[in-house]
Amino acid sequence: MQYKYVIVGAGITGLTIAQKIASELDEKVLVIEKRGHIGGNCYDYYEQSGVLVHKYGPHIFHTTSKRAYDYLSQFTKWNDYQHRVLTYVDGNLLPMPICARTINMLYNLNLSTQEVEGFLKGVADSSREIKTSEDVVISKAGEYIYEKFFRHYTKKQWDMYPSELDPSVISRVPIRYNTDERYFTDQYQGMPSAGYAHMFGNMVKSENIKILLNTDYKEVIGDIEYDKLIYTGPIDYFFDYTFGKLKYRSIDVVFETKDTCDYQPASVVNYPNDYDFTRITEFKKLTWQKHDKTVICKEYPTWEGDPYYPVPIDAQKKLYAQYKEKADASKNVVFAGRLAEYKYYNMDAALLSALELFDTQINV
């Protein structure tokens, strides 16, 4: 087989680059995917009852980038879903991220938005030096909120307490003084109206794109002639674990079908302190699907299974740096995406990075 471009991995990074090569360069491209489907961790499907679910847990598209939104809008229509999350604390469901109503419910107060800001500054330790994720929360909201919302949730999610993790882990979670209870405040938010798999299928509807599923690229790459390889898989696997395996946190996603139209008051409910799972998602509230049954999933973080989240600790950063040095010296290979860069990406960030890579390293 002969292709000018071969892409390893059919997640959002690989498919975006494949689509751009096929449509703008009019070149043939081969995409090799180890799983039995395209779309990476965003993949969705209709389970046995007919409810559309996300196989690897909930994925909500949100972005401030018109370029990202317009690009995907070529391949899907959207519902205008705006994500809201509740957190189960001491038997009550409180809005998350922390906002004015969260504070008032937690402390049994009736503060205005202006008073909430002063209240939080009064309980926070603003002089605390920021070295870990624990420091981030306590410096913004104090010990009590840290204990109720973050300490135990982070332990479940990462098998480490916030005091052991880089500040970036919790810095992504905002603390607000206003009444905005949306989880994201990005200008563009929504869900593909017919699902992610349908959207991704539209992206690769081209005679220039060939996809091999259920295939480890190492089993076939020796039989393929190509000019450039775009690799979006785990970087340590590419180099045969020369320096050792990079650590990833994974999730065991357990689905339950309920014989009811409605299960919980929000699409996602977090459980920071109770149970072994971190959250429950009810998919119909994400997709707006009408169905007389509903499907939920519970997420149990684990060290086994598919690689989801790079582990943000110094030892892993140093290990990745060794692999990156080898990657930078590789000829005719471009490393892109979450697994190849050992970096957590939101969907829109992965998409924008792929578009930038096409502009600067391929379409030149």
Protein backbone atom coordinates (compact mmCIF):
# COMPACT_ATOMS: atom_id res chain seq x y z
CA MET A 1 0.00 0.00 0.00
CA GLN A 2 1.16 3.54 -0.71
CA TYR A 3 -0.12 6.76 0.87
CA LYS A 4 1.42 10.18 1.15
CA TYR A 5 -0.01 10.51 4.66
CA VAL A 6 -0.69 7.90 7.33
CA ILE A 7 -2.45 8.86 10.56
CA VAL A 8 -2.37 6.65 13.64
CA GLY A 9 -5.48 7.17 15.74
CA ALA A 10 -9.05 8.11 14.77
CA GLY A 11 -9.85 10.49 17.62
CA ILE A 12 -10.72 14.14 17.09
CA THR A 13 -7.07 15.05 16.39
CA GLY A 14 -6.49 12.36 13.78
CA LEU A 15 -9.85 12.80 12.05
CA THR A 16 -9.50 16.58 11.84
CA ILE A 17 -6.10 16.30 10.19
CA ALA A 18 -7.36 13.56 7.85
CA GLN A 19 -10.34 15.68 6.80
CA LYS A 20 -8.15 18.70 6.07
CA ILE A 21 -5.65 16.66 4.05
CA ALA A 22 -8.40 14.98 2.04
CA SER A 23 -10.40 18.15 1.33
CA GLU A 24 -7.79 20.89 1.02
CA LEU A 25 -4.79 19.01 -0.37
CA ASP A 26 -6.86 16.42 -2.28
CA GLU A 27 -4.42 13.75 -1.10
CA LYS A 28 -5.18 10.19 -0.07
CA VAL A 29 -4.73 9.48 3.63
CA LEU A 30 -4.83 6.25 5.62
CA VAL A 31 -6.13 6.32 9.20
CA ILE A 32 -5.23 3.34 11.39
CA GLU A 33 -7.29 2.87 14.55
CA LYS A 34 -6.77 0.23 17.24
CA ARG A 35 -10.37 0.36 18.47
CA GLY A 36 -13.41 -0.79 16.55
CA HIS A 37 -14.79 2.71 16.01
CA ILE A 38 -13.79 6.26 15.13
CA GLY A 39 -14.16 9.28 17.40
CA GLY A 40 -11.82 8.32 20.22
CA ASN A 41 -13.22 8.89 23.69
CA CYS A 42 -16.02 11.06 22.25
CA TYR A 43 -17.63 8.04 20.60
CA ASP A 44 -21.33 7.54 21.23
CA TYR A 45 -23.80 4.83 20.27
CA TYR A 46 -27.38 3.64 20.86
CA GLU A 47 -27.35 1.01 23.56
CA GLN A 48 -29.82 -1.89 23.74
CA SER A 49 -32.81 0.13 24.95
CA GLY A 50 -32.34 2.70 22.17
CA VAL A 51 -30.89 5.48 24.33
CA LEU A 52 -27.88 7.35 22.94
CA VAL A 53 -24.95 7.09 25.36
CA HIS A 54 -21.29 8.12 25.44
CA LYS A 55 -19.18 4.97 25.71
CA TYR A 56 -16.34 6.62 27.62
CA GLY A 57 -18.32 8.98 29.82
CA PRO A 58 -19.91 12.38 29.07
CA HIS A 59 -18.38 14.74 26.53
CA ILE A 60 -19.80 18.25 26.13
CA PHE A 61 -18.58 20.54 23.38
CA HIS A 62 -17.82 24.09 24.51
CA THR A 63 -15.45 26.71 23.18
CA THR A 64 -14.71 30.41 22.95
CA SER A 65 -13.30 29.84 19.46
CA LYS A 66 -15.52 30.68 16.50
CA ARG A 67 -13.06 28.82 14.29
CA ALA A 68 -13.54 25.58 16.23
CA TYR A 69 -17.33 25.94 16.32
CA ASP A 70 -17.60 26.84 12.63
CA TYR A 71 -15.32 23.97 11.62
CA LEU A 72 -17.43 21.31 13.34
CA SER A 73 -20.65 23.00 12.21
CA GLN A 74 -19.79 21.84 8.68
CA PHE A 75 -20.49 18.30 9.85
CA THR A 76 -23.31 18.59 12.38
CA LYS A 77 -26.25 20.62 13.57
CA TRP A 78 -26.28 21.39 17.29
CA ASN A 79 -28.65 21.39 20.18
CA ASP A 80 -27.96 24.41 22.37
CA TYR A 81 -27.33 22.42 25.53
CA GLN A 82 -25.63 24.36 28.35
CA HIS A 83 -24.02 22.16 30.96
CA ARG A 84 -25.09 22.33 34.60
CA VAL A 85 -23.68 20.13 37.35
CA LEU A 86 -24.87 19.44 40.88
CA THR A 87 -22.71 18.16 43.72
CA TYR A 88 -24.01 15.90 46.48
CA VAL A 89 -22.74 17.30 49.81
CA ASP A 90 -24.16 16.34 53.21
CA GLY A 91 -27.41 15.10 51.65
CA ASN A 92 -27.98 18.23 49.56
CA LEU A 93 -27.51 18.91 45.86
CA LEU A 94 -25.47 22.10 45.42
CA PRO A 95 -24.54 23.89 42.17
CA MET A 96 -21.04 23.27 40.84
CA PRO A 97 -18.84 25.24 40.12
CA ILE A 98 -19.14 27.10 43.39
CA CYS A 99 -21.23 30.24 42.95
CA ALA A 100 -23.49 32.48 45.05
CA ARG A 101 -26.24 29.86 45.53
CA THR A 102 -23.68 27.20 46.46
CA ILE A 103 -22.30 29.39 49.24
CA ASN A 104 -25.74 30.33 50.52
CA MET A 105 -26.92 26.71 50.60
CA LEU A 106 -23.71 25.39 52.12
CA TYR A 107 -23.55 27.94 54.93
CA ASN A 108 -27.32 28.55 55.26
CA LEU A 109 -26.92 32.22 54.39
CA ASN A 110 -28.69 34.74 52.18
CA LEU A 111 -25.79 36.74 50.79
CA SER A 112 -25.90 38.98 47.73
CA THR A 113 -23.32 38.46 45.01
CA GLN A 114 -21.28 41.38 46.37
CA GLU A 115 -21.39 39.87 49.86
CA VAL A 116 -20.39 36.42 48.56
CA GLU A 117 -17.11 37.79 47.27
CA GLY A 118 -16.32 39.38 50.64
CA PHE A 119 -17.38 36.23 52.49
CA LEU A 120 -15.10 33.98 50.46
CA LYS A 121 -12.18 36.35 50.82
CA GLY A 122 -12.79 36.27 54.55
CA VAL A 123 -12.54 32.46 54.80
CA ALA A 124 -9.77 32.08 52.20
CA ASP A 125 -6.06 32.09 52.94
CA SER A 126 -4.98 34.51 50.22
CA SER A 127 -1.41 34.65 51.52
CA ARG A 128 -0.89 30.93 50.95
CA GLU A 129 1.93 30.08 48.55
CA ILE A 130 0.63 28.13 45.56
CA LYS A 131 2.58 24.92 45.18
CA THR A 132 -0.18 22.29 44.87
CA SER A 133 -3.86 21.96 43.97
CA GLU A 134 -4.71 22.08 47.68
CA ASP A 135 -3.13 25.52 47.88
CA VAL A 136 -5.23 26.72 44.93
CA VAL A 137 -8.54 25.93 46.63
CA ILE A 138 -7.65 27.06 50.15
CA SER A 139 -6.24 30.34 48.83
CA LYS A 140 -9.53 31.04 47.02
CA ALA A 141 -12.20 29.50 49.25
CA GLY A 142 -10.76 28.23 52.53
CA GLU A 143 -10.47 24.89 54.33
CA TYR A 144 -14.18 24.08 54.72
CA ILE A 145 -15.00 24.24 51.01
CA TYR A 146 -11.78 22.39 50.25
CA GLU A 147 -12.86 19.50 52.50
CA LYS A 148 -16.46 19.39 51.29
CA PHE A 149 -15.90 19.66 47.53
CA PHE A 150 -12.33 18.93 46.54
CA ARG A 151 -10.20 16.85 48.90
CA HIS A 152 -11.99 13.52 48.71
CA TYR A 153 -13.22 13.92 45.12
CA THR A 154 -9.64 14.45 43.98
CA LYS A 155 -8.48 11.42 45.95
CA LYS A 156 -11.08 9.28 44.18
CA GLN A 157 -10.29 10.76 40.78
CA TRP A 158 -6.50 10.62 40.96
CA ASP A 159 -5.75 8.24 43.86
CA MET A 160 -3.85 11.21 45.27
CA TYR A 161 -4.88 14.13 47.42
CA PRO A 162 -4.75 17.68 46.03
CA SER A 163 -1.68 18.30 48.19
CA GLU A 164 0.16 15.79 45.96
CA LEU A 165 -0.92 17.26 42.62
CA ASP A 166 0.19 20.11 40.39
CA PRO A 167 -1.83 23.35 40.81
CA SER A 168 -3.12 23.00 37.23
CA VAL A 169 -5.41 20.10 38.18
CA ILE A 170 -7.85 22.18 40.22
CA SER A 171 -7.10 25.53 38.61
CA ARG A 172 -9.43 24.43 35.79
CA VAL A 173 -12.41 24.51 38.20
CA PRO A 174 -13.65 28.09 38.68
CA ILE A 175 -15.01 29.65 41.87
CA ARG A 176 -17.53 32.38 41.10
CA TYR A 177 -19.05 35.20 43.09
CA ASN A 178 -22.08 35.62 40.79
CA THR A 179 -25.29 33.65 40.12
CA ASP A 180 -24.14 31.93 36.90
CA GLU A 181 -24.64 28.21 37.59
CA ARG A 182 -23.53 26.96 34.17
CA TYR A 183 -20.50 24.68 34.33
CA PHE A 184 -18.99 26.39 31.28
CA THR A 185 -19.37 30.04 30.31
CA ASP A 186 -17.98 29.70 26.78
CA GLN A 187 -19.78 31.54 23.99
CA TYR A 188 -20.37 28.36 21.98
CA GLN A 189 -21.84 25.32 23.73
CA GLY A 190 -23.88 22.36 22.63
CA MET A 191 -24.16 18.74 21.61
CA PRO A 192 -24.15 17.34 18.05
CA SER A 193 -27.86 16.89 17.37
CA ALA A 194 -27.41 13.42 15.86
CA GLY A 195 -24.49 12.44 18.10
CA TYR A 196 -20.71 12.49 17.92
CA ALA A 197 -20.36 9.30 15.86
CA HIS A 198 -22.60 10.81 13.19
CA MET A 199 -20.58 14.01 13.17
CA PHE A 200 -17.27 12.18 12.89
CA GLY A 201 -18.70 9.98 10.14
CA ASN A 202 -19.52 13.10 8.17
CA MET A 203 -15.97 14.37 8.63
CA VAL A 204 -14.47 11.33 6.90
CA LYS A 205 -16.96 11.01 4.04
CA SER A 206 -14.29 11.28 1.38
CA GLU A 207 -12.90 8.91 -1.22
CA ASN A 208 -9.49 10.20 -0.17
CA ILE A 209 -9.82 8.78 3.35
CA LYS A 210 -9.32 5.08 4.09
CA ILE A 211 -9.82 3.85 7.67
CA LEU A 212 -8.50 0.61 9.14
CA LEU A 213 -10.28 -0.28 12.39
CA ASN A 214 -9.31 -2.93 14.96
CA THR A 215 -5.72 -2.58 13.79
CA ASP A 216 -2.51 -1.96 15.72
CA TYR A 217 -0.45 0.20 13.41
CA LYS A 218 2.73 -1.70 14.29
CA GLU A 219 1.28 -4.82 12.68
CA VAL A 220 0.86 -3.17 9.27
CA ILE A 221 3.10 -0.11 9.08
CA GLY A 222 5.98 -2.12 7.63
CA ASP A 223 3.87 -2.92 4.58
CA ILE A 224 2.90 0.70 3.89
CA GLU A 225 4.88 3.26 1.90
CA TYR A 226 4.28 6.81 3.10
CA ASP A 227 5.89 10.25 3.16
CA LYS A 228 4.64 11.45 6.53
CA LEU A 229 3.26 9.70 9.61
CA ILE A 230 0.98 11.64 11.97
CA TYR A 231 0.96 9.77 15.25
CA THR A 232 -1.75 10.44 17.87
CA GLY A 233 -1.32 7.34 20.01
CA PRO A 234 0.60 6.97 23.29
CA ILE A 235 4.10 8.33 22.80
CA ASP A 236 5.69 5.73 25.07
CA TYR A 237 4.17 2.92 22.99
CA PHE A 238 5.62 4.43 19.81
CA PHE A 239 9.10 4.14 21.30
CA ASP A 240 8.46 0.65 22.74
CA TYR A 241 8.52 1.97 26.32
CA THR A 242 12.25 2.68 26.05
CA PHE A 243 12.29 4.80 29.22
CA GLY A 244 9.38 3.06 30.93
CA LYS A 245 5.59 3.41 30.82
CA LEU A 246 3.87 6.73 31.31
CA LYS A 247 1.08 6.62 33.88
CA TYR A 248 -2.53 7.37 33.01
CA ARG A 249 -5.64 7.50 35.13
CA SER A 250 -8.53 5.61 33.59
CA ILE A 251 -12.26 5.22 34.28
CA ASP A 252 -14.48 2.19 34.57
CA VAL A 253 -17.78 3.44 33.12
CA VAL A 254 -20.71 1.37 34.39
CA PHE A 255 -24.05 1.80 32.60
CA GLU A 256 -27.48 1.20 34.10
CA THR A 257 -30.78 1.31 32.22
CA LYS A 258 -33.67 2.65 34.29
CA ASP A 259 -37.33 1.96 33.55
CA THR A 260 -38.26 5.62 34.01
CA CYS A 261 -38.18 8.79 31.92
CA ASP A 262 -36.19 10.75 34.48
CA TYR A 263 -33.55 9.76 37.03
CA GLN A 264 -31.85 12.86 38.49
CA PRO A 265 -32.36 16.65 38.41
CA ALA A 266 -29.24 17.42 36.35
CA SER A 267 -27.34 15.71 33.57
CA VAL A 268 -24.35 15.23 35.89
CA VAL A 269 -24.27 14.88 39.67
CA ASN A 270 -20.88 14.73 41.41
CA TYR A 271 -20.30 12.68 44.56
CA PRO A 272 -17.16 14.07 46.22
CA ASN A 273 -17.56 12.33 49.57
CA ASP A 274 -20.04 9.47 49.23
CA TYR A 275 -19.66 6.17 47.34
CA ASP A 276 -16.71 4.93 45.27
CA PHE A 277 -17.83 6.52 42.00
CA THR A 278 -17.13 10.17 41.25
CA ARG A 279 -20.28 11.11 39.35
CA ILE A 280 -23.47 9.93 37.70
CA THR A 281 -24.44 11.07 34.20
CA GLU A 282 -27.93 10.84 32.73
CA PHE A 283 -27.41 11.00 28.97
CA LYS A 284 -30.88 12.04 27.85
CA LYS A 285 -30.37 15.34 29.63
CA LEU A 286 -27.29 15.94 27.47
CA THR A 287 -28.75 14.85 24.14
CA TRP A 288 -32.40 15.95 24.60
CA GLN A 289 -33.50 12.55 23.33
CA LYS A 290 -37.13 11.59 23.99
CA HIS A 291 -37.45 8.05 25.32
CA ASP A 292 -39.60 6.25 27.89
CA LYS A 293 -36.46 4.83 29.54
CA THR A 294 -33.26 6.48 30.64
CA VAL A 295 -29.63 5.36 30.92
CA ILE A 296 -27.14 6.53 33.52
CA CYS A 297 -23.47 5.81 34.00
CA LYS A 298 -21.36 5.77 37.12
CA GLU A 299 -17.64 6.52 36.82
CA TYR A 300 -15.13 4.59 38.91
CA PRO A 301 -11.57 5.91 38.51
CA THR A 302 -8.96 3.19 38.11
CA TRP A 303 -5.35 2.63 37.10
CA GLU A 304 -6.42 -0.12 34.67
CA GLY A 305 -8.01 0.25 31.24
CA ASP A 306 -7.83 2.82 28.45
CA PRO A 307 -5.55 5.83 29.01
CA TYR A 308 -7.72 8.84 29.86
CA TYR A 309 -5.80 11.40 31.91
CA PRO A 310 -2.04 12.03 31.99
CA VAL A 311 -0.88 12.12 35.61
CA PRO A 312 0.25 15.68 36.47
CA ILE A 313 3.19 15.01 38.75
CA ASP A 314 6.85 15.89 38.29
CA ALA A 315 8.06 12.30 37.81
CA GLN A 316 5.73 11.79 34.85
CA LYS A 317 6.58 15.16 33.32
CA LYS A 318 10.26 14.25 33.42
CA LEU A 319 9.59 10.84 31.87
CA TYR A 320 7.56 12.44 29.08
CA ALA A 321 10.36 14.95 28.45
CA GLN A 322 12.67 12.04 27.60
CA TYR A 323 10.19 10.73 25.05
CA LYS A 324 9.62 14.19 23.62
CA GLU A 325 13.31 14.58 22.98
CA LYS A 326 13.24 11.40 20.90
CA ALA A 327 10.05 12.54 19.17
CA ASP A 328 11.58 15.86 18.20
CA ALA A 329 14.46 14.00 16.56
CA SER A 330 12.17 11.68 14.58
CA LYS A 331 12.11 12.21 10.83
CA ASN A 332 8.84 12.27 8.89
CA VAL A 333 6.79 11.74 12.05
CA VAL A 334 4.52 14.34 13.63
CA PHE A 335 3.31 13.70 17.19
CA ALA A 336 -0.08 15.24 17.96
CA GLY A 337 -2.91 15.03 20.45
CA ARG A 338 -3.52 14.08 24.05
CA LEU A 339 -1.69 10.75 24.12
CA ALA A 340 1.23 11.72 21.91
CA GLU A 341 1.81 14.96 23.82
CA TYR A 342 0.95 13.51 27.24
CA LYS A 343 -1.32 16.48 27.81
CA TYR A 344 -4.95 16.85 28.81
CA TYR A 345 -6.96 18.56 26.08
CA ASN A 346 -10.55 19.70 26.04
CA MET A 347 -12.24 18.83 22.76
CA ASP A 348 -11.96 22.31 21.33
CA ALA A 349 -8.29 22.61 22.30
CA ALA A 350 -7.51 19.28 20.62
CA LEU A 351 -9.39 20.43 17.52
CA LEU A 352 -7.63 23.80 17.37
CA SER A 353 -4.25 22.18 17.90
CA ALA A 354 -4.96 19.82 14.99
CA LEU A 355 -5.99 22.70 12.74
CA GLU A 356 -2.84 24.62 13.69
CA LEU A 357 -0.70 21.55 13.03
CA PHE A 358 -2.23 21.18 9.57
CA ASP A 359 -1.56 24.85 8.78
CA THR A 360 2.03 24.89 10.02
CA GLN A 361 3.41 21.39 9.43
CA ILE A 362 1.40 19.82 6.61
CA ASN A 363 -0.07 22.51 4.35
CA VAL A 364 3.28 24.17 3.74
